[in-house]
Amino acid sequence: MGTARRICLTGMVLSVGLVLFASGGRAQPREGIKAPVIQNSYARDKGQYGAVWKIYIEAEAGETDMAKVAAVAEQAGQGHYPTDFILLDPQYRRRLRGYLQWNTFSSKGLALKEGTQIVLRVSVIDRAGNESPEVLFPFTFMSGVKDQAKPPPPFDQENISRIGHIGIDLIGPEKDTVD
């Protein structure tokens, strides 16, 4: 009986270790808990290479406080980039309205070709590990595109804050793969 119990406990420790390893050390979602929701979002779909791209989101926490925003970029011909996590300041844990800033200039190579397409996937993750449904933002790099004066409501107010900075470096045409 004692041996069987030790084997069971060892199996539990092993399975917990595997779950943490598989999740990258992140908290696992708790079933039955309401996840955060991105209620509104907006971003331009075209812009010049090197310009600042603002991705506006409005989100509300579910049953636990929001902890971070996850951003994943996909680039035609390059694939997926590693997820960039933007930790939320305490004032944004229950409700947030603001923008993520992405400086599209990359130090990893030449300028991106005219017409290069990317898709940015954004979600919000709470402290329990629950993730909101993703919002997709397609974007095409094009020269000569002027910035819009103001985003649409509810992001057209003067006091919209920057929530954080996206730190993904896109790869120029001379590179073969994402690092």
Protein backbone atom coordinates (compact mmCIF):
# COMPACT_ATOMS: atom_id res chain seq x y z
CA MET A 1 0.00 0.00 0.00
CA GLY A 2 2.79 2.45 0.88
CA THR A 3 4.62 1.66 -2.37
CA ALA A 4 1.52 2.26 -4.47
CA ARG A 5 1.00 5.60 -2.78
CA ARG A 6 4.58 6.72 -3.48
CA ILE A 7 4.23 5.78 -7.15
CA CYS A 8 1.00 7.74 -7.41
CA LEU A 9 2.56 10.82 -5.79
CA THR A 10 5.61 10.57 -8.02
CA GLY A 11 3.30 10.41 -11.04
CA MET A 12 1.48 13.52 -9.83
CA VAL A 13 4.73 15.45 -9.41
CA LEU A 14 5.88 14.33 -12.84
CA SER A 15 2.60 15.35 -14.48
CA VAL A 16 2.65 18.77 -12.78
CA GLY A 17 6.22 19.26 -14.00
CA LEU A 18 5.22 18.32 -17.53
CA VAL A 19 2.26 20.71 -17.48
CA LEU A 20 4.49 23.60 -16.36
CA PHE A 21 7.13 22.70 -18.95
CA ALA A 22 4.59 22.44 -21.76
CA SER A 23 3.07 25.82 -20.87
CA GLY A 24 6.39 27.62 -20.65
CA GLY A 25 5.94 28.04 -16.89
CA ARG A 26 2.69 29.98 -17.29
CA ALA A 27 -0.32 29.40 -15.09
CA GLN A 28 -2.78 26.92 -16.55
CA PRO A 29 -6.34 28.13 -17.19
CA ARG A 30 -8.85 27.23 -14.53
CA GLU A 31 -11.97 25.64 -15.93
CA GLY A 32 -15.29 27.32 -15.23
CA ILE A 33 -13.78 30.76 -14.72
CA LYS A 34 -14.90 33.56 -17.03
CA ALA A 35 -11.98 34.73 -19.21
CA PRO A 36 -11.25 38.36 -20.10
CA VAL A 37 -12.99 39.78 -23.18
CA ILE A 38 -11.70 42.24 -25.78
CA GLN A 39 -14.81 44.32 -26.35
CA ASN A 40 -13.54 46.76 -29.00
CA SER A 41 -10.47 46.95 -31.17
CA TYR A 42 -9.06 48.94 -34.06
CA ALA A 43 -5.83 49.30 -36.04
CA ARG A 44 -4.97 50.69 -39.45
CA ASP A 45 -4.54 48.02 -42.10
CA LYS A 46 -1.85 49.82 -44.17
CA GLY A 47 1.21 51.87 -43.34
CA GLN A 48 4.76 52.73 -44.20
CA TYR A 49 7.64 50.57 -43.08
CA GLY A 50 9.27 52.12 -40.01
CA ALA A 51 6.15 53.99 -38.89
CA VAL A 52 4.55 53.59 -35.48
CA TRP A 53 1.55 51.24 -35.64
CA LYS A 54 -1.04 51.72 -32.89
CA ILE A 55 -3.27 48.77 -32.03
CA TYR A 56 -6.23 49.94 -29.96
CA ILE A 57 -8.01 47.58 -27.60
CA GLU A 58 -10.69 47.83 -24.97
CA ALA A 59 -10.95 44.85 -22.64
CA GLU A 60 -12.65 43.83 -19.45
CA ALA A 61 -11.54 41.27 -16.90
CA GLY A 62 -13.52 38.13 -16.32
CA GLU A 63 -13.51 36.74 -12.80
CA THR A 64 -9.83 37.42 -12.10
CA ASP A 65 -7.57 40.39 -12.83
CA MET A 66 -5.99 40.73 -16.26
CA ALA A 67 -2.22 40.24 -16.14
CA LYS A 68 -0.85 40.64 -19.67
CA VAL A 69 -1.53 41.10 -23.34
CA ALA A 70 -0.16 38.52 -25.77
CA ALA A 71 0.88 39.60 -29.27
CA VAL A 72 1.88 37.14 -32.00
CA ALA A 73 2.91 38.25 -35.48
CA GLU A 74 2.71 36.17 -38.63
CA GLN A 75 4.60 37.37 -41.69
CA ALA A 76 4.01 36.08 -45.18
CA GLY A 77 7.03 34.00 -46.16
CA GLN A 78 8.48 33.99 -42.62
CA GLY A 79 5.88 32.30 -40.43
CA HIS A 80 5.09 33.00 -36.76
CA TYR A 81 7.29 35.09 -34.49
CA PRO A 82 7.62 34.26 -30.78
CA THR A 83 4.82 35.63 -28.59
CA ASP A 84 5.51 39.01 -27.04
CA PHE A 85 3.89 39.51 -23.62
CA ILE A 86 3.05 43.02 -22.44
CA LEU A 87 2.59 43.10 -18.66
CA LEU A 88 -0.31 45.26 -17.53
CA ASP A 89 0.07 48.03 -14.99
CA PRO A 90 -2.26 47.77 -11.96
CA GLN A 91 -4.69 50.42 -13.28
CA TYR A 92 -5.46 48.14 -16.27
CA ARG A 93 -6.13 44.91 -14.37
CA ARG A 94 -9.97 45.14 -14.27
CA ARG A 95 -10.65 47.27 -17.35
CA LEU A 96 -8.44 48.77 -20.01
CA ARG A 97 -8.82 51.06 -22.98
CA GLY A 98 -5.72 52.18 -24.83
CA TYR A 99 -3.24 51.20 -27.47
CA LEU A 100 -0.25 48.97 -27.97
CA GLN A 101 2.56 50.71 -29.81
CA TRP A 102 4.66 48.85 -32.36
CA ASN A 103 7.60 50.62 -33.98
CA THR A 104 7.71 48.68 -37.24
CA PHE A 105 11.34 49.48 -38.01
CA SER A 106 13.45 46.38 -37.47
CA SER A 107 17.11 46.17 -36.59
CA LYS A 108 17.22 42.60 -37.96
CA GLY A 109 17.71 43.41 -41.61
CA LEU A 110 16.77 45.45 -44.61
CA ALA A 111 13.50 47.30 -44.95
CA LEU A 112 10.52 45.09 -45.68
CA LYS A 113 9.41 44.92 -49.29
CA GLU A 114 6.50 47.00 -50.52
CA GLY A 115 3.32 44.95 -50.08
CA THR A 116 4.69 42.73 -47.26
CA GLN A 117 1.73 41.44 -45.28
CA ILE A 118 1.59 40.59 -41.61
CA VAL A 119 -1.18 39.57 -39.24
CA LEU A 120 -0.98 40.49 -35.57
CA ARG A 121 -2.94 38.28 -33.16
CA VAL A 122 -3.77 39.94 -29.83
CA SER A 123 -5.35 38.40 -26.73
CA VAL A 124 -5.56 39.24 -23.03
CA ILE A 125 -4.56 36.74 -20.33
CA ASP A 126 -5.72 36.91 -16.72
CA ARG A 127 -3.84 35.94 -13.56
CA ALA A 128 -5.42 32.47 -13.59
CA GLY A 129 -4.13 31.81 -17.12
CA ASN A 130 -7.47 32.25 -18.89
CA GLU A 131 -7.11 33.83 -22.33
CA SER A 132 -9.58 35.96 -24.24
CA PRO A 133 -10.46 35.07 -27.81
CA GLU A 134 -7.84 36.48 -30.21
CA VAL A 135 -8.43 39.58 -32.29
CA LEU A 136 -6.69 39.62 -35.69
CA PHE A 137 -5.16 42.74 -37.22
CA PRO A 138 -4.01 42.36 -40.85
CA PHE A 139 -1.47 44.94 -42.02
CA THR A 140 0.24 45.65 -45.34
CA PHE A 141 3.39 47.76 -45.68
CA MET A 142 2.84 50.41 -48.36
CA SER A 143 4.69 53.64 -49.04
CA GLY A 144 2.80 56.89 -49.34
CA VAL A 145 0.11 55.96 -46.79
CA LYS A 146 -0.82 58.90 -44.57
CA ASP A 147 -1.71 58.46 -40.91
CA GLN A 148 -5.37 58.87 -40.09
CA ALA A 149 -6.15 61.89 -37.92
CA LYS A 150 -8.16 60.03 -35.25
CA PRO A 151 -9.24 56.45 -34.70
CA PRO A 152 -12.97 55.68 -34.50
CA PRO A 153 -14.97 55.68 -31.21
CA PRO A 154 -14.36 54.67 -28.46
CA PHE A 155 -10.67 55.34 -29.21
CA ASP A 156 -11.12 58.89 -30.54
CA GLN A 157 -10.73 60.57 -27.14
CA GLU A 158 -7.74 62.74 -26.27
CA ASN A 159 -6.78 60.79 -23.13
CA ILE A 160 -6.18 57.35 -24.68
CA SER A 161 -3.11 55.86 -22.99
CA ARG A 162 -0.37 53.65 -24.29
CA ILE A 163 -0.80 50.27 -22.60
CA GLY A 164 2.59 49.00 -23.67
CA HIS A 165 5.09 48.45 -26.44
CA ILE A 166 5.24 45.45 -28.78
CA GLY A 167 8.84 44.30 -29.09
CA ILE A 168 8.70 42.04 -32.15
CA ASP A 169 11.45 42.65 -34.74
CA LEU A 170 10.28 41.72 -38.22
CA ILE A 171 12.75 40.07 -40.57
CA GLY A 172 13.80 41.72 -43.81
CA PRO A 173 14.11 39.94 -47.15
CA GLU A 174 17.76 38.85 -46.75
CA LYS A 175 16.98 36.55 -43.81
CA ASP A 176 15.64 33.04 -44.35
CA THR A 177 13.86 32.31 -41.07
CA VAL A 178 12.70 33.79 -37.78
CA ASP A 179 15.42 33.62 -35.08
